Amino acid sequence: MFSGIIEDVGTLVSVSPRGNGVQLRIRTRITVAPEGQAGVGRSDRERIGLGDSIAVSGACLTVEAVHPPDAFTVVAGKETLERTTLGAARPGARLHLERALRLGDRLDGHLVSGHVDAVGTVDAVRVEKESVVMHLRAPADILRYIAEKGSICIDGVSLTVNEVVGDRFRVNIVPYTADETLLGQLSAGKAVNLEVDLLARYVERLLGAAPTPGRDKSLSPERLEALGFTRGGRSGSR
């Protein structure tokens, strides 16, 4: 699990084939430990080590090789390449990096799984005194999970949704985030990784609204009433 708070903007050093996927070698300012000194199963979890989970521009990947003191290798499989922008990444690309949360960490963003739902597109960008205002388009199948004042993860960055209109939604990027991440450099037409708030998915599942072949599970007034909500807006007594 991650929080959507970027630790570093790394650089893609090389891309090489690996089965149906690719190996990505990434350079970072986060210290990378020699093999066997850090990572999963080791007491040192401050430095990057073998087996660590790292969100790379929002996609959770596993460190499979280390190149101390400043580089590591991850593998992006076929599914990752098809569902994220990493399939188009080339050497020299800048990438958001975040290591997995530890229990007890302060949650400054929101709970992020690192499982990218879809690739969206920046529709428009304008700079205001207090922030960068960005409008984005999202695929129809994830729009129902994007809600005003809800959370969304864009290229691994936790943001608040300020408005949803049709197939577009708006976010405001404060100066600190614009300076410390790549979001301040985005322009219209740029593709970005989107991960919706996972709580929205669980709520939909619990209410039985998730699409099921051959079954109507939409949240109609009749279904809400059947679940215990009256038309007056209050749940029925039990």
C-alpha atoms as a PDB file:
ATOM      1  CA  MET A   1       0.000   0.000   0.000  1.00  0.00           C
ATOM      2  CA  PHE A   2       1.066   3.572  -0.700  1.00  0.00           C
ATOM      3  CA  SER A   3      -0.121   7.070   0.202  1.00  0.00           C
ATOM      4  CA  GLY A   4       0.329   8.968  -3.053  1.00  0.00           C
ATOM      5  CA  ILE A   5       3.066  11.181  -1.585  1.00  0.00           C
ATOM      6  CA  ILE A   6       6.031  11.163  -3.970  1.00  0.00           C
ATOM      7  CA  GLU A   7       9.459  10.547  -2.441  1.00  0.00           C
ATOM      8  CA  ASP A   8      11.589  11.129  -5.516  1.00  0.00           C
ATOM      9  CA  VAL A   9      11.447  11.828  -9.231  1.00  0.00           C
ATOM     10  CA  GLY A  10      13.697   9.170 -10.741  1.00  0.00           C
ATOM     11  CA  THR A  11      15.097   8.736 -14.252  1.00  0.00           C
ATOM     12  CA  LEU A  12      14.565   5.730 -16.503  1.00  0.00           C
ATOM     13  CA  VAL A  13      18.061   4.553 -17.461  1.00  0.00           C
ATOM     14  CA  SER A  14      17.267   1.613 -19.723  1.00  0.00           C
ATOM     15  CA  VAL A  15      14.459  -0.596 -21.034  1.00  0.00           C
ATOM     16  CA  SER A  16      15.108  -4.209 -22.058  1.00  0.00           C
ATOM     17  CA  PRO A  17      12.797  -7.094 -23.047  1.00  0.00           C
ATOM     18  CA  ARG A  18      11.796  -9.626 -20.385  1.00  0.00           C
ATOM     19  CA  GLY A  19       9.340 -12.302 -21.563  1.00  0.00           C
ATOM     20  CA  ASN A  20       6.103 -10.521 -22.466  1.00  0.00           C
ATOM     21  CA  GLY A  21       7.183  -7.506 -20.465  1.00  0.00           C
ATOM     22  CA  VAL A  22      10.234  -5.310 -19.946  1.00  0.00           C
ATOM     23  CA  GLN A  23      12.946  -4.633 -17.396  1.00  0.00           C
ATOM     24  CA  LEU A  24      13.203  -1.030 -16.278  1.00  0.00           C
ATOM     25  CA  ARG A  25      16.408   0.236 -14.730  1.00  0.00           C
ATOM     26  CA  ILE A  26      15.735   3.400 -12.730  1.00  0.00           C
ATOM     27  CA  ARG A  27      18.119   5.894 -11.147  1.00  0.00           C
ATOM     28  CA  THR A  28      17.017   7.542  -7.899  1.00  0.00           C
ATOM     29  CA  ARG A  29      18.189   9.863  -5.136  1.00  0.00           C
ATOM     30  CA  ILE A  30      16.930   7.333  -2.564  1.00  0.00           C
ATOM     31  CA  THR A  31      19.886   5.259  -1.364  1.00  0.00           C
ATOM     32  CA  VAL A  32      20.025   1.747  -2.845  1.00  0.00           C
ATOM     33  CA  ALA A  33      21.657  -0.914  -0.649  1.00  0.00           C
ATOM     34  CA  PRO A  34      23.987  -3.686  -1.854  1.00  0.00           C
ATOM     35  CA  GLU A  35      22.334  -7.077  -2.349  1.00  0.00           C
ATOM     36  CA  GLY A  36      21.537  -8.806   0.946  1.00  0.00           C
ATOM     37  CA  GLN A  37      21.757  -5.699   3.126  1.00  0.00           C
ATOM     38  CA  ALA A  38      18.225  -4.298   2.809  1.00  0.00           C
ATOM     39  CA  GLY A  39      14.789  -5.124   1.473  1.00  0.00           C
ATOM     40  CA  VAL A  40      12.210  -7.793   2.311  1.00  0.00           C
ATOM     41  CA  GLY A  41      13.347 -10.020   5.176  1.00  0.00           C
ATOM     42  CA  ARG A  42      16.076  -7.605   6.275  1.00  0.00           C
ATOM     43  CA  SER A  43      16.117  -5.227   9.219  1.00  0.00           C
ATOM     44  CA  ASP A  44      17.201  -2.308   7.008  1.00  0.00           C
ATOM     45  CA  ARG A  45      14.040  -0.987   5.357  1.00  0.00           C
ATOM     46  CA  GLU A  46      15.319   2.564   4.943  1.00  0.00           C
ATOM     47  CA  ARG A  47      17.402   1.850   1.853  1.00  0.00           C
ATOM     48  CA  ILE A  48      15.933   0.292  -1.281  1.00  0.00           C
ATOM     49  CA  GLY A  49      16.563  -3.450  -1.344  1.00  0.00           C
ATOM     50  CA  LEU A  50      15.560  -6.636  -3.128  1.00  0.00           C
ATOM     51  CA  GLY A  51      11.856  -7.446  -2.973  1.00  0.00           C
ATOM     52  CA  ASP A  52      10.766  -3.942  -2.039  1.00  0.00           C
ATOM     53  CA  SER A  53       7.521  -2.674  -3.510  1.00  0.00           C
ATOM     54  CA  ILE A  54       7.862   0.680  -5.244  1.00  0.00           C
ATOM     55  CA  ALA A  55       5.151   2.676  -6.980  1.00  0.00           C
ATOM     56  CA  VAL A  56       6.582   3.829 -10.306  1.00  0.00           C
ATOM     57  CA  SER A  57       4.387   6.663 -11.610  1.00  0.00           C
ATOM     58  CA  GLY A  58       1.544   5.016  -9.730  1.00  0.00           C
ATOM     59  CA  ALA A  59       2.166   1.370 -10.723  1.00  0.00           C
ATOM     60  CA  CYS A  60       3.275  -0.995  -7.944  1.00  0.00           C
ATOM     61  CA  LEU A  61       6.383  -2.911  -9.053  1.00  0.00           C
ATOM     62  CA  THR A  62       8.875  -5.157  -7.242  1.00  0.00           C
ATOM     63  CA  VAL A  63      12.618  -4.521  -7.042  1.00  0.00           C
ATOM     64  CA  GLU A  64      14.333  -7.548  -8.574  1.00  0.00           C
ATOM     65  CA  ALA A  65      17.896  -6.217  -8.846  1.00  0.00           C
ATOM     66  CA  VAL A  66      19.885  -3.496  -7.101  1.00  0.00           C
ATOM     67  CA  HIS A  67      22.689  -1.354  -8.479  1.00  0.00           C
ATOM     68  CA  PRO A  68      24.036   0.566  -5.492  1.00  0.00           C
ATOM     69  CA  PRO A  69      24.179   3.288  -4.565  1.00  0.00           C
ATOM     70  CA  ASP A  70      21.586   4.913  -6.822  1.00  0.00           C
ATOM     71  CA  ALA A  71      19.778   2.510  -9.183  1.00  0.00           C
ATOM     72  CA  PHE A  72      17.467  -0.501  -9.160  1.00  0.00           C
ATOM     73  CA  THR A  73      15.652  -2.738 -11.647  1.00  0.00           C
ATOM     74  CA  VAL A  74      11.959  -3.658 -11.764  1.00  0.00           C
ATOM     75  CA  VAL A  75       9.958  -5.733 -14.242  1.00  0.00           C
ATOM     76  CA  ALA A  76       6.740  -4.474 -15.827  1.00  0.00           C
ATOM     77  CA  GLY A  77       4.619  -7.341 -17.153  1.00  0.00           C
ATOM     78  CA  LYS A  78       2.285  -7.394 -20.132  1.00  0.00           C
ATOM     79  CA  GLU A  79      -0.729  -6.318 -18.047  1.00  0.00           C
ATOM     80  CA  THR A  80       1.160  -3.331 -16.644  1.00  0.00           C
ATOM     81  CA  LEU A  81       2.377  -2.246 -20.069  1.00  0.00           C
ATOM     82  CA  GLU A  82      -1.153  -2.412 -21.493  1.00  0.00           C
ATOM     83  CA  ARG A  83      -2.905  -0.599 -18.637  1.00  0.00           C
ATOM     84  CA  THR A  84      -0.377   2.129 -17.812  1.00  0.00           C
ATOM     85  CA  THR A  85       1.821   4.706 -19.497  1.00  0.00           C
ATOM     86  CA  LEU A  86       4.931   2.641 -18.725  1.00  0.00           C
ATOM     87  CA  GLY A  87       4.507   0.812 -22.023  1.00  0.00           C
ATOM     88  CA  ALA A  88       5.499   4.024 -23.809  1.00  0.00           C
ATOM     89  CA  ALA A  89       8.317   4.994 -21.427  1.00  0.00           C
ATOM     90  CA  ARG A  90      11.766   5.412 -22.967  1.00  0.00           C
ATOM     91  CA  PRO A  91      15.234   6.008 -21.464  1.00  0.00           C
ATOM     92  CA  GLY A  92      15.482   9.497 -20.070  1.00  0.00           C
ATOM     93  CA  ALA A  93      11.842   9.584 -18.930  1.00  0.00           C
ATOM     94  CA  ARG A  94      11.224  11.010 -15.457  1.00  0.00           C
ATOM     95  CA  LEU A  95       9.191   8.818 -13.103  1.00  0.00           C
ATOM     96  CA  HIS A  96       7.477   9.387  -9.760  1.00  0.00           C
ATOM     97  CA  LEU A  97       8.757   7.014  -7.065  1.00  0.00           C
ATOM     98  CA  GLU A  98       7.215   6.069  -3.711  1.00  0.00           C
ATOM     99  CA  ARG A  99       8.170   3.202  -1.430  1.00  0.00           C
ATOM    100  CA  ALA A 100       5.488   1.133   0.288  1.00  0.00           C
ATOM    101  CA  LEU A 101       3.981   2.399   3.531  1.00  0.00           C
ATOM    102  CA  ARG A 102       4.934   0.951   6.888  1.00  0.00           C
ATOM    103  CA  LEU A 103       2.351   0.407   9.626  1.00  0.00           C
ATOM    104  CA  GLY A 104       2.431   3.464  11.827  1.00  0.00           C
ATOM    105  CA  ASP A 105       3.408   5.898   9.060  1.00  0.00           C
ATOM    106  CA  ARG A 106       1.518   9.173   8.881  1.00  0.00           C
ATOM    107  CA  LEU A 107      -1.009   8.950   6.032  1.00  0.00           C
ATOM    108  CA  ASP A 108      -0.607  12.337   4.352  1.00  0.00           C
ATOM    109  CA  GLY A 109      -2.394  11.397   1.111  1.00  0.00           C
ATOM    110  CA  HIS A 110      -4.915   8.562   0.864  1.00  0.00           C
ATOM    111  CA  LEU A 111      -4.701   4.775   0.677  1.00  0.00           C
ATOM    112  CA  VAL A 112      -3.317   3.860  -2.734  1.00  0.00           C
ATOM    113  CA  SER A 113      -2.880   0.272  -3.930  1.00  0.00           C
ATOM    114  CA  GLY A 114      -0.564   0.940  -6.857  1.00  0.00           C
ATOM    115  CA  HIS A 115      -2.957  -0.910  -9.176  1.00  0.00           C
ATOM    116  CA  VAL A 116      -3.583   1.535 -12.022  1.00  0.00           C
ATOM    117  CA  ASP A 117      -7.179   1.429 -13.235  1.00  0.00           C
ATOM    118  CA  ALA A 118      -6.794   3.190 -16.563  1.00  0.00           C
ATOM    119  CA  VAL A 119      -4.905   5.775 -18.571  1.00  0.00           C
ATOM    120  CA  GLY A 120      -6.533   9.205 -18.671  1.00  0.00           C
ATOM    121  CA  THR A 121      -5.726  12.308 -20.695  1.00  0.00           C
ATOM    122  CA  VAL A 122      -4.981  15.868 -19.651  1.00  0.00           C
ATOM    123  CA  ASP A 123      -7.614  18.015 -21.357  1.00  0.00           C
ATOM    124  CA  ALA A 124      -6.646  21.518 -20.268  1.00  0.00           C
ATOM    125  CA  VAL A 125      -4.230  23.258 -17.904  1.00  0.00           C
ATOM    126  CA  ARG A 126      -4.235  26.810 -16.599  1.00  0.00           C
ATOM    127  CA  VAL A 127      -2.081  28.492 -13.998  1.00  0.00           C
ATOM    128  CA  GLU A 128      -3.741  30.525 -11.264  1.00  0.00           C
ATOM    129  CA  LYS A 129      -2.124  32.462  -8.441  1.00  0.00           C
ATOM    130  CA  GLU A 130      -2.653  29.748  -5.848  1.00  0.00           C
ATOM    131  CA  SER A 131      -2.485  26.589  -7.960  1.00  0.00           C
ATOM    132  CA  VAL A 132      -2.308  24.840 -11.300  1.00  0.00           C
ATOM    133  CA  VAL A 133      -5.847  23.977 -12.405  1.00  0.00           C
ATOM    134  CA  MET A 134      -6.027  20.809 -14.473  1.00  0.00           C
ATOM    135  CA  HIS A 135      -8.966  19.234 -16.302  1.00  0.00           C
ATOM    136  CA  LEU A 136      -8.644  15.564 -17.251  1.00  0.00           C
ATOM    137  CA  ARG A 137     -10.699  13.028 -19.162  1.00  0.00           C
ATOM    138  CA  ALA A 138     -11.212   9.526 -17.770  1.00  0.00           C
ATOM    139  CA  PRO A 139     -12.477   6.354 -19.500  1.00  0.00           C
ATOM    140  CA  ALA A 140     -16.207   5.748 -19.060  1.00  0.00           C
ATOM    141  CA  ASP A 141     -15.761   2.540 -17.052  1.00  0.00           C
ATOM    142  CA  ILE A 142     -14.045   4.316 -14.136  1.00  0.00           C
ATOM    143  CA  LEU A 143     -15.972   7.595 -14.142  1.00  0.00           C
ATOM    144  CA  ARG A 144     -18.538   6.284 -11.654  1.00  0.00           C
ATOM    145  CA  TYR A 145     -15.765   5.998  -9.048  1.00  0.00           C
ATOM    146  CA  ILE A 146     -14.662   9.630  -9.408  1.00  0.00           C
ATOM    147  CA  ALA A 147     -16.607  11.953  -7.114  1.00  0.00           C
ATOM    148  CA  GLU A 148     -16.360  15.606  -6.140  1.00  0.00           C
ATOM    149  CA  LYS A 149     -14.261  15.987  -2.961  1.00  0.00           C
ATOM    150  CA  GLY A 150     -13.144  12.367  -3.313  1.00  0.00           C
ATOM    151  CA  SER A 151      -9.569  11.202  -3.817  1.00  0.00           C
ATOM    152  CA  ILE A 152      -7.790  10.149  -6.990  1.00  0.00           C
ATOM    153  CA  CYS A 153      -4.219   9.143  -7.774  1.00  0.00           C
ATOM    154  CA  ILE A 154      -2.650  10.686 -10.897  1.00  0.00           C
ATOM    155  CA  ASP A 155       0.738   9.247 -11.911  1.00  0.00           C
ATOM    156  CA  GLY A 156       1.137   8.142  -8.302  1.00  0.00           C
ATOM    157  CA  VAL A 157       0.212  11.516  -6.767  1.00  0.00           C
ATOM    158  CA  SER A 158      -2.691  11.732  -4.303  1.00  0.00           C
ATOM    159  CA  LEU A 159      -5.078  14.553  -5.227  1.00  0.00           C
ATOM    160  CA  THR A 160      -8.578  15.760  -4.351  1.00  0.00           C
ATOM    161  CA  VAL A 161     -11.235  15.868  -7.059  1.00  0.00           C
ATOM    162  CA  ASN A 162     -12.703  19.382  -7.144  1.00  0.00           C
ATOM    163  CA  GLU A 163     -15.322  18.933  -9.836  1.00  0.00           C
ATOM    164  CA  VAL A 164     -16.791  16.277 -12.138  1.00  0.00           C
ATOM    165  CA  VAL A 165     -18.613  17.299 -15.325  1.00  0.00           C
ATOM    166  CA  GLY A 166     -19.456  14.676 -17.927  1.00  0.00           C
ATOM    167  CA  ASP A 167     -16.343  12.653 -18.701  1.00  0.00           C
ATOM    168  CA  ARG A 168     -14.036  15.331 -17.276  1.00  0.00           C
ATOM    169  CA  PHE A 169     -12.863  16.046 -13.760  1.00  0.00           C
ATOM    170  CA  ARG A 170     -10.852  18.876 -12.273  1.00  0.00           C
ATOM    171  CA  VAL A 171      -7.995  18.919  -9.766  1.00  0.00           C
ATOM    172  CA  ASN A 172      -6.018  21.805  -8.297  1.00  0.00           C
ATOM    173  CA  ILE A 173      -2.283  21.307  -7.867  1.00  0.00           C
ATOM    174  CA  VAL A 174      -0.759  23.471  -5.136  1.00  0.00           C
ATOM    175  CA  PRO A 175       2.642  25.112  -5.770  1.00  0.00           C
ATOM    176  CA  TYR A 176       4.542  22.644  -3.554  1.00  0.00           C
ATOM    177  CA  THR A 177       3.197  19.633  -5.446  1.00  0.00           C
ATOM    178  CA  ALA A 178       3.789  21.338  -8.807  1.00  0.00           C
ATOM    179  CA  ASP A 179       7.423  21.982  -7.843  1.00  0.00           C
ATOM    180  CA  GLU A 180       8.187  18.611  -6.230  1.00  0.00           C
ATOM    181  CA  THR A 181       6.512  16.379  -8.857  1.00  0.00           C
ATOM    182  CA  LEU A 182       6.105  16.305 -12.620  1.00  0.00           C
ATOM    183  CA  LEU A 183       2.453  17.386 -12.491  1.00  0.00           C
ATOM    184  CA  GLY A 184       3.363  21.035 -12.856  1.00  0.00           C
ATOM    185  CA  GLN A 185       4.908  20.221 -16.257  1.00  0.00           C
ATOM    186  CA  LEU A 186       1.893  18.417 -17.732  1.00  0.00           C
ATOM    187  CA  SER A 187       0.181  19.883 -20.781  1.00  0.00           C
ATOM    188  CA  ALA A 188      -2.973  19.150 -22.773  1.00  0.00           C
ATOM    189  CA  GLY A 189      -2.910  15.783 -24.520  1.00  0.00           C
ATOM    190  CA  LYS A 190      -0.542  14.136 -22.033  1.00  0.00           C
ATOM    191  CA  ALA A 191      -1.482  10.592 -20.959  1.00  0.00           C
ATOM    192  CA  VAL A 192      -1.481   9.867 -17.212  1.00  0.00           C
ATOM    193  CA  ASN A 193      -2.041   6.843 -14.976  1.00  0.00           C
ATOM    194  CA  LEU A 194      -5.251   6.949 -12.946  1.00  0.00           C
ATOM    195  CA  GLU A 195      -6.152   4.979  -9.831  1.00  0.00           C
ATOM    196  CA  VAL A 196      -9.550   5.647  -8.298  1.00  0.00           C
ATOM    197  CA  ASP A 197     -10.222   5.617  -4.566  1.00  0.00           C
ATOM    198  CA  LEU A 198     -10.388   1.932  -3.633  1.00  0.00           C
ATOM    199  CA  LEU A 199     -13.048   2.719  -0.993  1.00  0.00           C
ATOM    200  CA  ALA A 200     -15.450   3.564  -3.831  1.00  0.00           C
ATOM    201  CA  ARG A 201     -15.006   0.081  -5.259  1.00  0.00           C
ATOM    202  CA  TYR A 202     -15.747  -1.582  -1.919  1.00  0.00           C
ATOM    203  CA  VAL A 203     -18.834   0.558  -1.345  1.00  0.00           C
ATOM    204  CA  GLU A 204     -20.131  -0.394  -4.785  1.00  0.00           C
ATOM    205  CA  ARG A 205     -19.464  -4.067  -4.095  1.00  0.00           C
ATOM    206  CA  LEU A 206     -21.153  -3.981  -0.685  1.00  0.00           C
ATOM    207  CA  LEU A 207     -24.226  -2.309  -2.135  1.00  0.00           C
ATOM    208  CA  GLY A 208     -24.381  -4.915  -4.878  1.00  0.00           C
ATOM    209  CA  ALA A 209     -23.993  -2.305  -7.595  1.00  0.00           C
ATOM    210  CA  ALA A 210     -20.946  -3.797  -9.297  1.00  0.00           C
ATOM    211  CA  PRO A 211     -21.778  -4.831 -12.872  1.00  0.00           C
ATOM    212  CA  THR A 212     -22.761  -8.501 -13.052  1.00  0.00           C
ATOM    213  CA  PRO A 213     -23.501 -10.204 -16.388  1.00  0.00           C
ATOM    214  CA  GLY A 214     -27.239 -10.849 -16.719  1.00  0.00           C
ATOM    215  CA  ARG A 215     -28.150  -9.087 -13.472  1.00  0.00           C
ATOM    216  CA  ASP A 216     -29.328  -5.523 -12.886  1.00  0.00           C
ATOM    217  CA  LYS A 217     -27.550  -4.186  -9.813  1.00  0.00           C
ATOM    218  CA  SER A 218     -27.905  -0.464 -10.450  1.00  0.00           C
ATOM    219  CA  LEU A 219     -28.698   1.780  -7.481  1.00  0.00           C
ATOM    220  CA  SER A 220     -32.253   2.633  -8.492  1.00  0.00           C
ATOM    221  CA  PRO A 221     -34.690   4.207  -5.965  1.00  0.00           C
ATOM    222  CA  GLU A 222     -36.385   0.798  -5.684  1.00  0.00           C
ATOM    223  CA  ARG A 223     -33.111  -0.981  -4.900  1.00  0.00           C
ATOM    224  CA  LEU A 224     -32.112   1.629  -2.315  1.00  0.00           C
ATOM    225  CA  GLU A 225     -35.496   1.180  -0.644  1.00  0.00           C
ATOM    226  CA  ALA A 226     -34.992  -2.582  -0.636  1.00  0.00           C
ATOM    227  CA  LEU A 227     -31.633  -2.039   1.090  1.00  0.00           C
ATOM    228  CA  GLY A 228     -33.356  -0.120   3.895  1.00  0.00           C
ATOM    229  CA  PHE A 229     -33.347   3.478   2.643  1.00  0.00           C
ATOM    230  CA  THR A 230     -36.718   5.206   2.463  1.00  0.00           C
ATOM    231  CA  ARG A 231     -37.680   7.769  -0.133  1.00  0.00           C
ATOM    232  CA  GLY A 232     -37.677  10.357   2.639  1.00  0.00           C
ATOM    233  CA  GLY A 233     -33.913  10.013   2.948  1.00  0.00           C
ATOM    234  CA  ARG A 234     -33.705   8.024   6.181  1.00  0.00           C
ATOM    235  CA  SER A 235     -32.952   4.388   6.600  1.00  0.00           C
ATOM    236  CA  GLY A 236     -35.766   2.235   7.900  1.00  0.00           C
ATOM    237  CA  SER A 237     -35.822   0.976  11.476  1.00  0.00           C
ATOM    238  CA  ARG A 238     -34.720  -2.540  12.245  1.00  0.00           C
END
